[in-house]
Amino acid sequence: MLLTRHTDYSLRFLMYLALNDARIVTIQEVAQTFKVPRNHLMKISQALARHGYIHAIRGRGGGLRLAREPGDVNLRGVVSDMEPTLEIFDCHNPLCPIAGNCVLKKALMEARDHFLAALGKYTLADLVRHKSKLRRLLAT
């Protein structure tokens, strides 16, 4: 299963905010740090705000900050919220002739569920446990 860049960048964005929790962060700053297009991060920040992960502060001196404690941000939730679909493949477009009797789909759905269960064991706090080392790597 390959996560979309949207989800990948969302997780990196949240990690950056968690590492810089003492201040307001700008989208431009995150874009430069991860070398990600600013426009892409604008869309991601809107989605993260819509799902309640971040707060956007408007106006001069505005920016972004986490809306929750890092320990309250579960990775399964973020991935589920940010991925457009968690289906592994589509049996109906085109219609597969064995769709009603397929064990492959069941096996892949079970694998997806185990993947999500593993993510459910981690929070944003787990990802940024080694703050000083990560800050050095990101030069924040």
Protein backbone atom coordinates (compact mmCIF):
# COMPACT_ATOMS: atom_id res chain seq x y z
CA MET A 1 0.00 0.00 0.00
CA LEU A 2 1.43 3.33 -1.03
CA LEU A 3 0.29 6.42 0.81
CA THR A 4 -0.35 9.52 -1.25
CA ARG A 5 2.06 12.43 -1.07
CA HIS A 6 -0.79 14.37 0.50
CA THR A 7 -0.73 12.03 3.52
CA ASP A 8 3.07 11.82 3.59
CA TYR A 9 3.38 15.61 3.66
CA SER A 10 0.58 15.86 6.21
CA LEU A 11 2.51 13.67 8.62
CA ARG A 12 5.73 15.63 8.05
CA PHE A 13 3.81 18.90 8.52
CA LEU A 14 2.42 17.68 11.86
CA MET A 15 5.85 16.53 12.98
CA TYR A 16 7.32 19.93 12.18
CA LEU A 17 4.59 21.67 14.17
CA ALA A 18 5.16 19.30 17.10
CA LEU A 19 8.89 20.05 17.02
CA ASN A 20 8.16 23.78 17.05
CA ASP A 21 5.31 23.80 19.54
CA ALA A 22 6.59 26.90 21.34
CA ARG A 23 5.94 29.17 18.36
CA ILE A 24 3.75 29.88 15.35
CA VAL A 25 5.01 28.26 12.13
CA THR A 26 4.45 29.51 8.58
CA ILE A 27 3.63 27.40 5.56
CA GLN A 28 6.60 28.92 3.75
CA GLU A 29 8.92 27.71 6.50
CA VAL A 30 7.61 24.14 6.24
CA ALA A 31 7.76 24.27 2.44
CA GLN A 32 11.41 25.32 2.53
CA THR A 33 12.34 22.75 5.16
CA PHE A 34 10.86 19.78 3.29
CA LYS A 35 11.28 21.21 -0.24
CA VAL A 36 7.57 20.83 -0.90
CA PRO A 37 5.54 23.24 -3.05
CA ARG A 38 3.91 25.93 -0.92
CA ASN A 39 0.59 25.59 -2.78
CA HIS A 40 0.49 21.89 -1.94
CA LEU A 41 1.04 22.66 1.73
CA MET A 42 -1.73 25.27 1.63
CA LYS A 43 -4.21 22.55 0.63
CA ILE A 44 -2.81 20.20 3.25
CA SER A 45 -3.05 22.83 5.98
CA GLN A 46 -6.70 23.43 5.09
CA ALA A 47 -7.43 19.71 5.34
CA LEU A 48 -5.53 19.37 8.63
CA ALA A 49 -7.45 22.35 10.04
CA ARG A 50 -10.77 20.93 8.82
CA HIS A 51 -10.01 17.68 10.67
CA GLY A 52 -9.02 19.57 13.82
CA TYR A 53 -5.31 18.76 13.86
CA ILE A 54 -4.07 22.34 13.50
CA HIS A 55 -5.17 25.92 14.16
CA ALA A 56 -4.59 28.60 11.57
CA ILE A 57 -3.88 32.07 12.94
CA ARG A 58 -4.74 34.72 10.37
CA GLY A 59 -3.27 38.15 9.87
CA ARG A 60 0.08 39.71 10.47
CA GLY A 61 2.26 37.42 12.53
CA GLY A 62 -0.10 34.55 11.77
CA GLY A 63 0.73 31.00 10.95
CA LEU A 64 -0.05 27.52 12.16
CA ARG A 65 0.17 25.51 15.35
CA LEU A 66 -1.07 22.17 16.59
CA ALA A 67 -4.65 22.10 17.82
CA ARG A 68 -4.04 18.98 19.95
CA GLU A 69 -1.29 17.65 22.13
CA PRO A 70 1.05 15.41 20.09
CA GLY A 71 0.11 12.45 22.28
CA ASP A 72 -3.53 12.93 21.25
CA VAL A 73 -2.80 12.73 17.50
CA ASN A 74 -3.06 9.09 16.47
CA LEU A 75 -1.35 8.14 13.20
CA ARG A 76 -4.19 5.84 12.15
CA GLY A 77 -6.57 8.77 12.43
CA VAL A 78 -4.36 11.07 10.39
CA VAL A 79 -3.88 8.50 7.63
CA SER A 80 -7.59 7.66 7.57
CA ASP A 81 -8.53 11.34 7.44
CA MET A 82 -6.01 12.34 4.79
CA GLU A 83 -6.16 9.40 2.37
CA PRO A 84 -8.93 9.70 -0.22
CA THR A 85 -9.57 5.98 0.05
CA LEU A 86 -8.08 3.08 1.93
CA GLU A 87 -9.16 0.52 -0.64
CA ILE A 88 -6.26 -1.50 -2.01
CA PHE A 89 -7.87 -1.95 -5.45
CA ASP A 90 -11.23 -1.63 -7.19
CA CYS A 91 -13.00 -4.87 -8.13
CA HIS A 92 -15.81 -3.02 -9.87
CA ASN A 93 -14.09 -0.82 -12.44
CA PRO A 94 -13.88 -2.77 -14.64
CA LEU A 95 -16.01 -5.44 -13.00
CA CYS A 96 -13.88 -8.45 -12.12
CA PRO A 97 -15.51 -11.77 -13.08
CA ILE A 98 -14.54 -13.35 -9.75
CA ALA A 99 -15.54 -10.37 -7.56
CA GLY A 100 -18.12 -12.34 -5.58
CA ASN A 101 -15.81 -15.29 -4.89
CA CYS A 102 -12.42 -13.69 -4.46
CA VAL A 103 -10.17 -14.55 -1.55
CA LEU A 104 -7.50 -12.10 -2.77
CA LYS A 105 -9.62 -9.08 -1.86
CA LYS A 106 -10.26 -10.54 1.61
CA ALA A 107 -6.51 -11.14 2.12
CA LEU A 108 -5.61 -7.61 1.01
CA MET A 109 -8.31 -6.04 3.17
CA GLU A 110 -6.98 -8.01 6.14
CA ALA A 111 -3.45 -6.76 5.39
CA ARG A 112 -4.76 -3.17 5.19
CA ASP A 113 -6.52 -3.60 8.53
CA HIS A 114 -3.29 -4.85 10.14
CA PHE A 115 -1.42 -1.89 8.62
CA LEU A 116 -3.95 0.52 10.13
CA ALA A 117 -3.90 -1.31 13.46
CA ALA A 118 -0.10 -0.93 13.58
CA LEU A 119 -0.41 2.81 12.88
CA GLY A 120 -2.98 3.00 15.66
CA LYS A 121 -0.27 2.11 18.18
CA TYR A 122 1.62 5.35 17.45
CA THR A 123 0.99 9.01 18.08
CA LEU A 124 2.62 12.18 16.86
CA ALA A 125 4.46 12.30 20.19
CA ASP A 126 6.12 8.98 19.31
CA LEU A 127 7.35 10.42 16.01
CA VAL A 128 9.02 13.40 17.66
CA ARG A 129 10.32 11.66 20.77
CA HIS A 130 13.91 12.64 19.91
CA LYS A 131 13.19 16.36 19.48
CA SER A 132 16.73 17.71 19.72
CA LYS A 133 18.06 15.28 17.12
CA LEU A 134 15.17 15.99 14.74
CA ARG A 135 15.52 19.74 15.22
CA ARG A 136 19.20 19.50 14.28
CA LEU A 137 18.38 17.47 11.18
CA LEU A 138 15.74 19.98 10.15
CA ALA A 139 17.77 22.97 11.37
CA THR A 140 14.78 24.48 13.18
